[in-house]
């Protein structure tokens, strides 16, 4: 999970974080 924290701190990977956040929300909705 450390790489997720790295992405959160890296502005160049904002889009990746956004995708992960959306997927995370979807999973929360399913479960």
PDB file of N, CA and C in Angstrom:
ATOM      1  N   UNK A   1       0.836  -1.210   0.000  1.00  0.00           N
ATOM      2  CA  UNK A   1       0.000   0.000   0.000  1.00  0.00           C
ATOM      3  C   UNK A   1       0.865   1.253   0.000  1.00  0.00           C
ATOM      4  N   UNK A   2       2.155   1.076   0.150  1.00  0.00           N
ATOM      5  CA  UNK A   2       3.054   2.235   0.205  1.00  0.00           C
ATOM      6  C   UNK A   2       3.051   2.999  -1.105  1.00  0.00           C
ATOM      7  N   UNK A   3       2.923   2.280  -2.225  1.00  0.00           N
ATOM      8  CA  UNK A   3       2.940   2.961  -3.528  1.00  0.00           C
ATOM      9  C   UNK A   3       1.742   3.881  -3.669  1.00  0.00           C
ATOM     10  N   UNK A   4       0.632   3.545  -3.016  1.00  0.00           N
ATOM     11  CA  UNK A   4      -0.540   4.422  -3.089  1.00  0.00           C
ATOM     12  C   UNK A   4      -0.237   5.740  -2.397  1.00  0.00           C
ATOM     13  N   UNK A   5       0.463   5.670  -1.267  1.00  0.00           N
ATOM     14  CA  UNK A   5       0.824   6.886  -0.535  1.00  0.00           C
ATOM     15  C   UNK A   5       1.760   7.728  -1.385  1.00  0.00           C
ATOM     16  N   UNK A   6       2.653   7.062  -2.117  1.00  0.00           N
ATOM     17  CA  UNK A   6       3.596   7.778  -2.979  1.00  0.00           C
ATOM     18  C   UNK A   6       2.845   8.522  -4.075  1.00  0.00           C
ATOM     19  N   UNK A   7       1.867   7.845  -4.679  1.00  0.00           N
ATOM     20  CA  UNK A   7       1.076   8.474  -5.739  1.00  0.00           C
ATOM     21  C   UNK A   7       0.336   9.690  -5.199  1.00  0.00           C
ATOM     22  N   UNK A   8      -0.190   9.555  -3.983  1.00  0.00           N
ATOM     23  CA  UNK A   8      -0.950  10.652  -3.389  1.00  0.00           C
ATOM     24  C   UNK A   8      -0.079  11.895  -3.257  1.00  0.00           C
ATOM     25  N   UNK A   9       1.220  11.684  -3.044  1.00  0.00           N
ATOM     26  CA  UNK A   9       2.132  12.815  -2.866  1.00  0.00           C
ATOM     27  C   UNK A   9       2.696  13.303  -4.193  1.00  0.00           C
ATOM     28  N   UNK A  10       2.491  12.522  -5.246  1.00  0.00           N
ATOM     29  CA  UNK A  10       3.054  12.886  -6.541  1.00  0.00           C
ATOM     30  C   UNK A  10       1.978  13.499  -7.434  1.00  0.00           C
ATOM     31  N   UNK A  11       2.121  14.790  -7.759  1.00  0.00           N
ATOM     32  CA  UNK A  11       1.113  15.485  -8.570  1.00  0.00           C
ATOM     33  C   UNK A  11       0.996  14.892  -9.973  1.00  0.00           C
ATOM     34  N   UNK A  12       2.072  14.325 -10.479  1.00  0.00           N
ATOM     35  CA  UNK A  12       2.043  13.798 -11.846  1.00  0.00           C
ATOM     36  C   UNK A  12       1.164  12.558 -11.942  1.00  0.00           C
ATOM     37  N   UNK A  13       0.859  11.950 -10.799  1.00  0.00           N
ATOM     38  CA  UNK A  13       0.046  10.727 -10.822  1.00  0.00           C
ATOM     39  C   UNK A  13      -1.352  10.983 -10.263  1.00  0.00           C
ATOM     40  N   UNK A  14      -1.785  12.223 -10.336  1.00  0.00           N
ATOM     41  CA  UNK A  14      -3.107  12.564  -9.800  1.00  0.00           C
ATOM     42  C   UNK A  14      -4.203  11.761 -10.494  1.00  0.00           C
ATOM     43  N   UNK A  15      -4.069  11.585 -11.801  1.00  0.00           N
ATOM     44  CA  UNK A  15      -5.075  10.834 -12.559  1.00  0.00           C
ATOM     45  C   UNK A  15      -5.151   9.390 -12.075  1.00  0.00           C
ATOM     46  N   UNK A  16      -3.998   8.799 -11.782  1.00  0.00           N
ATOM     47  CA  UNK A  16      -3.979   7.416 -11.306  1.00  0.00           C
ATOM     48  C   UNK A  16      -4.694   7.323  -9.969  1.00  0.00           C
ATOM     49  N   UNK A  17      -4.442   8.290  -9.102  1.00  0.00           N
ATOM     50  CA  UNK A  17      -5.087   8.300  -7.786  1.00  0.00           C
ATOM     51  C   UNK A  17      -6.597   8.432  -7.954  1.00  0.00           C
ATOM     52  N   UNK A  18      -6.996   9.273  -8.899  1.00  0.00           N
ATOM     53  CA  UNK A  18      -8.427   9.472  -9.140  1.00  0.00           C
ATOM     54  C   UNK A  18      -9.078   8.166  -9.579  1.00  0.00           C
ATOM     55  N   UNK A  19      -8.414   7.454 -10.468  1.00  0.00           N
ATOM     56  CA  UNK A  19      -8.965   6.169 -10.934  1.00  0.00           C
ATOM     57  C   UNK A  19      -9.097   5.202  -9.769  1.00  0.00           C
ATOM     58  N   UNK A  20      -8.060   5.125  -8.938  1.00  0.00           N
ATOM     59  CA  UNK A  20      -8.095   4.215  -7.801  1.00  0.00           C
ATOM     60  C   UNK A  20      -9.231   4.594  -6.851  1.00  0.00           C
ATOM     61  N   UNK A  21      -9.393   5.900  -6.635  1.00  0.00           N
ATOM     62  CA  UNK A  21     -10.446   6.371  -5.733  1.00  0.00           C
ATOM     63  C   UNK A  21     -11.819   5.968  -6.253  1.00  0.00           C
ATOM     64  N   UNK A  22     -12.022   6.128  -7.563  1.00  0.00           N
ATOM     65  CA  UNK A  22     -13.315   5.762  -8.161  1.00  0.00           C
ATOM     66  C   UNK A  22     -13.557   4.263  -8.008  1.00  0.00           C
ATOM     67  N   UNK A  23     -12.535   3.466  -8.291  1.00  0.00           N
ATOM     68  CA  UNK A  23     -12.681   2.014  -8.159  1.00  0.00           C
ATOM     69  C   UNK A  23     -12.967   1.647  -6.711  1.00  0.00           C
ATOM     70  N   UNK A  24     -12.292   2.309  -5.786  1.00  0.00           N
ATOM     71  CA  UNK A  24     -12.485   2.033  -4.366  1.00  0.00           C
ATOM     72  C   UNK A  24     -13.931   2.333  -3.960  1.00  0.00           C
ATOM     73  N   UNK A  25     -14.455   3.443  -4.454  1.00  0.00           N
ATOM     74  CA  UNK A  25     -15.845   3.812  -4.143  1.00  0.00           C
ATOM     75  C   UNK A  25     -16.809   2.785  -4.711  1.00  0.00           C
ATOM     76  N   UNK A  26     -16.524   2.322  -5.923  1.00  0.00           N
ATOM     77  CA  UNK A  26     -17.387   1.324  -6.560  1.00  0.00           C
ATOM     78  C   UNK A  26     -17.399   0.039  -5.736  1.00  0.00           C
ATOM     79  N   UNK A  27     -16.220  -0.375  -5.281  1.00  0.00           N
ATOM     80  CA  UNK A  27     -16.129  -1.592  -4.477  1.00  0.00           C
ATOM     81  C   UNK A  27     -16.904  -1.420  -3.181  1.00  0.00           C
ATOM     82  N   UNK A  28     -16.805  -0.256  -2.570  1.00  0.00           N
ATOM     83  CA  UNK A  28     -17.529   0.000  -1.324  1.00  0.00           C
ATOM     84  C   UNK A  28     -19.029  -0.069  -1.565  1.00  0.00           C
ATOM     85  N   UNK A  29     -19.458   0.398  -2.726  1.00  0.00           N
ATOM     86  CA  UNK A  29     -20.885   0.367  -3.053  1.00  0.00           C
ATOM     87  C   UNK A  29     -21.355  -1.076  -3.236  1.00  0.00           C
ATOM     88  N   UNK A  30     -20.526  -1.887  -3.886  1.00  0.00           N
ATOM     89  CA  UNK A  30     -20.884  -3.286  -4.129  1.00  0.00           C
ATOM     90  C   UNK A  30     -20.964  -4.052  -2.812  1.00  0.00           C
ATOM     91  N   UNK A  31     -19.975  -3.829  -1.943  1.00  0.00           N
ATOM     92  CA  UNK A  31     -19.955  -4.563  -0.683  1.00  0.00           C
ATOM     93  C   UNK A  31     -20.715  -3.808   0.399  1.00  0.00           C
TER      94      UNK A  31
END
